[in-house]
Amino acid sequence: MAEAPGAPEECPGTGSAQAGRAAACQGCPNQRLCAAGAAGPDPAEAAELRARLRAVRHTVLVLSGKGGVGKSTFSALLAHGLAADETKQVALLDIDICGPSIPKMMGLEGEQVHQSGSGWSPVYVEENLGVMSVGFLLSSPDDAVIWRGPKKNGLIKQFLRDVDWGEVDYLIVDTPPGTSDEHLSIVQYLSATHIDGAVIVTTPQEVSLQDVRKEINFCRKVKLPIIGVVENMSGFVCPKCKNESQIFPPTTGGAEKMCQNLNVSLLGKVPLDPQIGKSCDKGQSFLAEAPESPATLSYRNIIQRIQEYCEQHHFQEEKIM
């Protein structure tokens, strides 16, 4: 049987001169976007983005091919964990245009974006933790964002170009599930500056890992460095009897086996804790509310590894320059 046009394994990659133009691109829903952006942003656009983001030291994307694995929760807690160091300035950008949950998780529901001469101002949780999301632009949290790709891509560009981020040590970008418009756009626009890498979130079961493998393949196609994988919801220890249950059984070896097979770092495993969901609903930091939880200890170890990676990446870039 002949292979369908546009098979992912034949994709030339968005950075290729053949992006959107190769035979394998025929029939791909992203063909037009890739063809238009194969060489990255145009020079004037790239200069604008560089000027706006020149004071951003580290940029980390949080990805997952699968929805519902706790990616936004991880992004929110990563931002809280980094901002616990008051000497660090942290920004959290939510580009999940159709499902912006970051305002709720950060306790910022009902807040609005203000504009000044220097651009849109982020909404601040703390003095050193700013947030931007389409959720701040909606009249109600229940409003549906019914947009086609070009309008979503335009808003992502606006978030990067028009938000007055100021001097930022860490810009965390929370993305929607998948490997489509928003992901291509953020990588394309940030190619004008730099990205330290991506953290990929999964749960242990094969139905999640299947989509996460696609995300890893996406990162490699667009030459996005992978900082590592986080296995979320990794087991549950009953607080009364102390027995451990596998709510999402790792039938194919979980993230650990997948990382070994694909030569990717496993940053850590975060166990289930019902308090995480409660804290997110209240807009509070789980790390502060449950400092002794095994999940908090796991998060802190993962955050430390991400920081170490970013510092090493920055050091290597300085050596090259």
Protein backbone atom coordinates (compact mmCIF):
# COMPACT_ATOMS: atom_id res chain seq x y z
CA MET A 1 0.00 0.00 0.00
CA ALA A 2 1.41 3.40 -0.99
CA GLU A 3 2.35 5.72 1.84
CA ALA A 4 0.10 8.73 2.28
CA PRO A 5 1.59 12.10 1.32
CA GLY A 6 2.79 14.18 4.20
CA ALA A 7 3.89 11.20 6.33
CA PRO A 8 5.52 12.67 9.49
CA GLU A 9 8.68 10.59 9.17
CA GLU A 10 9.30 12.20 5.74
CA CYS A 11 8.86 15.75 7.09
CA PRO A 12 11.89 17.83 6.09
CA GLY A 13 11.62 19.90 9.30
CA THR A 14 10.59 23.53 9.68
CA GLY A 15 14.17 24.77 9.51
CA SER A 16 14.76 23.16 6.12
CA ALA A 17 14.76 25.14 2.87
CA GLN A 18 12.24 22.55 1.67
CA ALA A 19 9.81 23.21 4.56
CA GLY A 20 6.30 23.31 3.09
CA ARG A 21 7.66 22.67 -0.39
CA ALA A 22 8.81 19.04 -0.36
CA ALA A 23 6.69 16.23 -1.80
CA ALA A 24 6.07 14.94 1.73
CA CYS A 25 4.47 18.31 2.61
CA GLN A 26 1.53 17.80 0.24
CA GLY A 27 -1.64 17.38 2.26
CA CYS A 28 -0.06 18.44 5.56
CA PRO A 29 -2.29 20.91 7.44
CA ASN A 30 0.80 22.98 8.35
CA GLN A 31 2.12 23.21 4.80
CA ARG A 32 1.27 26.88 4.27
CA LEU A 33 2.64 27.92 7.67
CA CYS A 34 5.91 26.05 7.11
CA ALA A 35 6.32 27.40 3.58
CA ALA A 36 5.75 30.95 4.80
CA GLY A 37 8.10 30.60 7.75
CA ALA A 38 10.77 28.22 6.46
CA ALA A 39 13.46 30.86 6.84
CA GLY A 40 12.16 32.05 10.20
CA PRO A 41 10.81 35.55 10.88
CA ASP A 42 11.58 38.25 8.31
CA PRO A 43 14.53 40.48 9.25
CA ALA A 44 12.43 43.41 10.50
CA GLU A 45 10.23 41.12 12.59
CA ALA A 46 13.26 39.28 13.95
CA ALA A 47 14.87 42.59 14.96
CA GLU A 48 11.68 43.61 16.82
CA LEU A 49 11.57 40.31 18.70
CA ARG A 50 15.27 40.49 19.58
CA ALA A 51 14.84 44.03 20.89
CA ARG A 52 11.88 43.06 23.08
CA LEU A 53 13.40 39.83 24.42
CA ARG A 54 17.04 40.90 24.67
CA ALA A 55 16.81 41.03 28.49
CA VAL A 56 15.36 37.50 28.78
CA ARG A 57 18.19 35.28 30.01
CA HIS A 58 16.58 31.81 29.79
CA THR A 59 13.54 30.55 27.88
CA VAL A 60 11.98 27.16 28.65
CA LEU A 61 9.05 25.66 26.75
CA VAL A 62 6.77 23.16 28.51
CA LEU A 63 5.35 20.68 26.00
CA SER A 64 3.36 17.48 25.78
CA GLY A 65 1.74 15.76 22.85
CA LYS A 66 -1.02 14.65 25.23
CA GLY A 67 -3.68 16.73 26.94
CA GLY A 68 -4.53 16.26 30.60
CA VAL A 69 -1.07 15.19 31.76
CA GLY A 70 -0.56 18.19 34.06
CA LYS A 71 1.47 20.39 31.74
CA SER A 72 -0.07 23.70 32.86
CA THR A 73 0.18 22.58 36.48
CA PHE A 74 3.87 21.85 35.93
CA SER A 75 4.40 25.23 34.22
CA ALA A 76 2.73 27.06 37.10
CA LEU A 77 4.73 25.22 39.76
CA LEU A 78 7.96 25.60 37.81
CA ALA A 79 7.35 29.37 37.76
CA HIS A 80 6.51 29.41 41.50
CA GLY A 81 9.57 27.30 42.29
CA LEU A 82 11.94 29.54 40.33
CA ALA A 83 10.39 32.69 41.78
CA ALA A 84 10.94 31.40 45.33
CA ASP A 85 14.42 32.87 44.85
CA GLU A 86 13.60 36.57 45.25
CA THR A 87 16.72 37.54 43.33
CA LYS A 88 15.29 35.92 40.17
CA GLN A 89 12.72 37.57 37.90
CA VAL A 90 10.35 35.02 36.37
CA ALA A 91 7.75 35.34 33.61
CA LEU A 92 5.07 32.78 32.69
CA LEU A 93 3.58 33.00 29.19
CA ASP A 94 0.44 30.95 28.49
CA ILE A 95 0.02 30.27 24.74
CA ASP A 96 -2.76 27.72 25.21
CA ILE A 97 -5.12 30.02 23.33
CA CYS A 98 -8.23 27.82 23.48
CA GLY A 99 -7.77 26.50 27.03
CA PRO A 100 -6.00 29.15 29.12
CA SER A 101 -5.90 27.67 32.63
CA ILE A 102 -2.88 29.60 33.92
CA PRO A 103 -4.87 32.62 35.26
CA LYS A 104 -6.95 30.27 37.45
CA MET A 105 -3.90 28.32 38.66
CA MET A 106 -1.98 31.49 39.50
CA GLY A 107 -4.89 33.09 41.39
CA LEU A 108 -5.31 35.80 38.75
CA GLU A 109 -8.83 35.17 37.43
CA GLY A 110 -10.63 38.41 36.60
CA GLU A 111 -7.39 40.37 36.15
CA GLN A 112 -6.93 42.44 33.01
CA VAL A 113 -3.97 43.48 30.91
CA HIS A 114 -2.95 47.14 31.09
CA GLN A 115 -1.21 48.97 28.29
CA SER A 116 1.44 51.65 28.66
CA GLY A 117 3.84 53.42 26.37
CA SER A 118 6.22 50.49 26.61
CA GLY A 119 3.59 47.86 25.72
CA TRP A 120 1.30 45.44 27.54
CA SER A 121 2.16 44.95 31.19
CA PRO A 122 2.20 41.37 32.56
CA VAL A 123 -0.11 40.62 35.47
CA TYR A 124 1.99 40.05 38.59
CA VAL A 125 1.51 37.31 41.20
CA GLU A 126 4.52 38.55 43.15
CA GLU A 127 6.94 41.36 42.43
CA ASN A 128 9.24 38.88 40.71
CA LEU A 129 6.61 36.71 38.96
CA GLY A 130 4.68 38.09 35.98
CA VAL A 131 2.07 36.27 33.87
CA MET A 132 0.55 36.79 30.42
CA SER A 133 -2.38 34.81 29.00
CA VAL A 134 -5.24 35.19 26.57
CA GLY A 135 -7.39 34.51 29.64
CA PHE A 136 -6.78 38.13 30.68
CA LEU A 137 -8.27 39.35 27.40
CA LEU A 138 -11.60 37.52 27.74
CA SER A 139 -14.68 39.12 29.28
CA SER A 140 -15.52 35.84 31.06
CA PRO A 141 -13.53 32.67 31.91
CA ASP A 142 -16.29 30.73 30.14
CA ASP A 143 -15.84 32.52 26.80
CA ALA A 144 -14.82 30.18 23.98
CA VAL A 145 -11.92 31.28 21.77
CA ILE A 146 -13.05 30.18 18.29
CA TRP A 147 -10.10 31.22 16.15
CA ARG A 148 -8.35 29.82 13.11
CA GLY A 149 -4.59 29.29 13.10
CA PRO A 150 -3.47 32.68 11.68
CA LYS A 151 -5.25 34.63 14.43
CA LYS A 152 -3.75 32.39 17.15
CA ASN A 153 -0.30 32.79 15.60
CA GLY A 154 -0.76 36.56 15.48
CA LEU A 155 -1.57 36.70 19.19
CA ILE A 156 1.49 34.61 20.08
CA LYS A 157 3.67 37.04 18.11
CA GLN A 158 1.97 39.93 19.91
CA PHE A 159 2.68 38.35 23.32
CA LEU A 160 6.38 38.16 22.46
CA ARG A 161 6.69 41.50 20.66
CA ASP A 162 4.31 43.79 22.56
CA VAL A 163 4.52 42.63 26.19
CA ASP A 164 6.94 44.65 28.31
CA TRP A 165 8.68 41.67 29.92
CA GLY A 166 11.58 43.77 31.21
CA GLU A 167 14.63 41.97 32.60
CA VAL A 168 13.72 38.32 33.09
CA ASP A 169 15.88 35.46 34.33
CA TYR A 170 13.40 32.75 33.27
CA LEU A 171 10.60 32.94 30.69
CA ILE A 172 8.43 29.81 31.01
CA VAL A 173 6.11 29.13 28.05
CA ASP A 174 3.10 26.89 28.69
CA THR A 175 1.86 25.38 25.41
CA PRO A 176 -1.29 23.49 24.38
CA PRO A 177 -1.16 19.76 23.59
CA GLY A 178 0.07 18.71 20.18
CA THR A 179 2.64 19.65 17.55
CA SER A 180 0.72 22.16 15.47
CA ASP A 181 0.24 25.90 14.84
CA GLU A 182 1.04 27.30 18.28
CA HIS A 183 4.14 25.12 18.64
CA LEU A 184 5.50 25.95 15.21
CA SER A 185 4.83 29.66 15.80
CA ILE A 186 6.53 29.91 19.19
CA VAL A 187 9.63 28.05 17.94
CA GLN A 188 9.73 30.13 14.76
CA TYR A 189 9.38 33.47 16.56
CA LEU A 190 11.83 32.58 19.33
CA SER A 191 14.38 31.46 16.73
CA ALA A 192 15.09 35.19 16.38
CA THR A 193 16.40 35.11 19.96
CA HIS A 194 17.17 31.85 21.75
CA ILE A 195 15.47 28.96 23.52
CA ASP A 196 17.29 26.98 26.21
CA GLY A 197 15.08 23.98 25.52
CA ALA A 198 11.86 22.11 26.18
CA VAL A 199 10.59 20.16 29.17
CA ILE A 200 8.19 17.42 28.06
CA VAL A 201 5.50 16.24 30.48
CA THR A 202 3.88 12.81 30.36
CA THR A 203 2.02 10.32 32.51
CA PRO A 204 3.21 6.70 32.81
CA GLN A 205 0.68 4.88 30.63
CA GLU A 206 1.32 3.96 27.00
CA VAL A 207 -1.59 6.03 25.65
CA SER A 208 0.24 9.13 26.90
CA LEU A 209 3.75 8.01 25.92
CA GLN A 210 2.53 7.39 22.38
CA ASP A 211 1.80 11.10 21.91
CA VAL A 212 4.89 12.19 23.83
CA ARG A 213 7.10 10.28 21.38
CA LYS A 214 5.57 12.46 18.66
CA GLU A 215 6.47 15.55 20.69
CA ILE A 216 10.08 14.39 21.02
CA ASN A 217 10.15 13.82 17.26
CA PHE A 218 8.72 17.33 16.75
CA CYS A 219 11.49 18.85 18.88
CA ARG A 220 14.13 17.05 16.86
CA LYS A 221 12.56 18.11 13.55
CA VAL A 222 12.55 21.80 14.53
CA LYS A 223 15.95 21.58 16.27
CA LEU A 224 14.53 22.45 19.68
CA PRO A 225 16.82 21.14 22.47
CA ILE A 226 15.11 18.77 24.92
CA ILE A 227 16.00 19.50 28.53
CA GLY A 228 14.25 16.32 29.63
CA VAL A 229 11.02 14.49 30.40
CA VAL A 230 8.92 14.70 33.58
CA GLU A 231 6.70 11.75 34.48
CA ASN A 232 3.67 13.23 36.22
CA MET A 233 1.06 11.33 38.29
CA SER A 234 3.65 8.63 38.91
CA GLY A 235 2.06 6.40 41.54
CA PHE A 236 -0.04 7.28 44.58
CA VAL A 237 0.85 6.54 48.21
CA CYS A 238 -2.21 6.32 50.45
CA PRO A 239 -1.73 8.79 53.35
CA LYS A 240 -3.40 6.33 55.76
CA CYS A 241 -2.17 2.83 54.91
CA LYS A 242 0.99 3.97 53.05
CA ASN A 243 0.41 1.41 50.28
CA GLU A 244 1.38 2.57 46.80
CA SER A 245 -1.06 2.24 43.90
CA GLN A 246 -0.34 2.73 40.21
CA ILE A 247 -3.31 4.81 39.06
CA PHE A 248 -1.80 5.01 35.57
CA PRO A 249 0.07 1.69 35.19
CA PRO A 250 3.33 1.94 33.21
CA THR A 251 2.46 -1.06 31.02
CA THR A 252 5.36 -0.39 28.60
CA GLY A 253 7.92 0.74 31.18
CA GLY A 254 6.72 4.33 31.65
CA ALA A 255 8.75 7.45 30.92
CA GLU A 256 11.94 5.85 32.20
CA LYS A 257 11.94 3.15 29.52
CA MET A 258 10.90 5.62 26.82
CA CYS A 259 13.75 7.99 27.75
CA GLN A 260 16.26 5.14 27.59
CA ASN A 261 14.99 4.10 24.15
CA LEU A 262 15.01 7.65 22.75
CA ASN A 263 18.19 8.86 24.51
CA VAL A 264 16.42 11.65 26.41
CA SER A 265 16.99 12.67 30.04
CA LEU A 266 14.36 11.75 32.64
CA LEU A 267 14.23 14.79 34.93
CA GLY A 268 12.12 13.07 37.57
CA LYS A 269 8.84 11.47 38.58
CA VAL A 270 6.12 13.40 40.41
CA PRO A 271 3.71 11.25 42.47
CA LEU A 272 0.01 11.99 42.66
CA ASP A 273 -1.08 14.24 45.50
CA PRO A 274 -4.74 15.36 45.74
CA GLN A 275 -3.54 18.63 47.28
CA ILE A 276 -2.01 19.65 43.92
CA GLY A 277 -5.46 19.91 42.32
CA LYS A 278 -6.90 21.71 45.34
CA SER A 279 -4.07 24.25 45.36
CA CYS A 280 -4.47 24.91 41.61
CA ASP A 281 -8.22 25.48 42.01
CA LYS A 282 -7.51 27.98 44.79
CA GLY A 283 -4.77 29.70 42.78
CA GLN A 284 -2.15 28.88 45.42
CA SER A 285 1.34 27.42 45.11
CA PHE A 286 1.27 23.74 46.07
CA LEU A 287 5.01 23.96 46.80
CA ALA A 288 4.30 26.50 49.55
CA GLU A 289 1.13 24.83 50.85
CA ALA A 290 2.60 21.32 51.13
CA PRO A 291 6.37 21.76 51.58
CA GLU A 292 6.90 18.25 52.99
CA SER A 293 4.91 16.37 50.35
CA PRO A 294 6.91 13.80 48.33
CA ALA A 295 5.53 15.56 45.23
CA THR A 296 7.02 18.88 46.40
CA LEU A 297 10.41 17.26 47.01
CA SER A 298 10.27 15.76 43.52
CA TYR A 299 9.33 19.12 42.00
CA ARG A 300 12.22 20.84 43.77
CA ASN A 301 14.72 18.27 42.45
CA ILE A 302 13.34 18.67 38.91
CA ILE A 303 13.45 22.47 39.11
CA GLN A 304 17.06 22.32 40.29
CA ARG A 305 17.99 20.11 37.34
CA ILE A 306 16.31 22.53 34.92
CA GLN A 307 18.22 25.44 36.46
CA GLU A 308 21.50 23.56 36.17
CA TYR A 309 20.79 22.76 32.53
CA CYS A 310 19.96 26.39 31.72
CA GLU A 311 23.10 27.71 33.42
CA GLN A 312 25.22 25.17 31.55
CA HIS A 313 23.49 26.04 28.27
CA HIS A 314 24.09 29.76 28.89
CA PHE A 315 27.76 29.11 29.70
CA GLN A 316 28.21 27.13 26.48
CA GLU A 317 26.56 29.90 24.43
CA GLU A 318 28.88 32.50 25.96
CA LYS A 319 31.90 30.36 25.08
CA ILE A 320 30.75 30.08 21.45
CA MET A 321 30.18 33.85 21.26
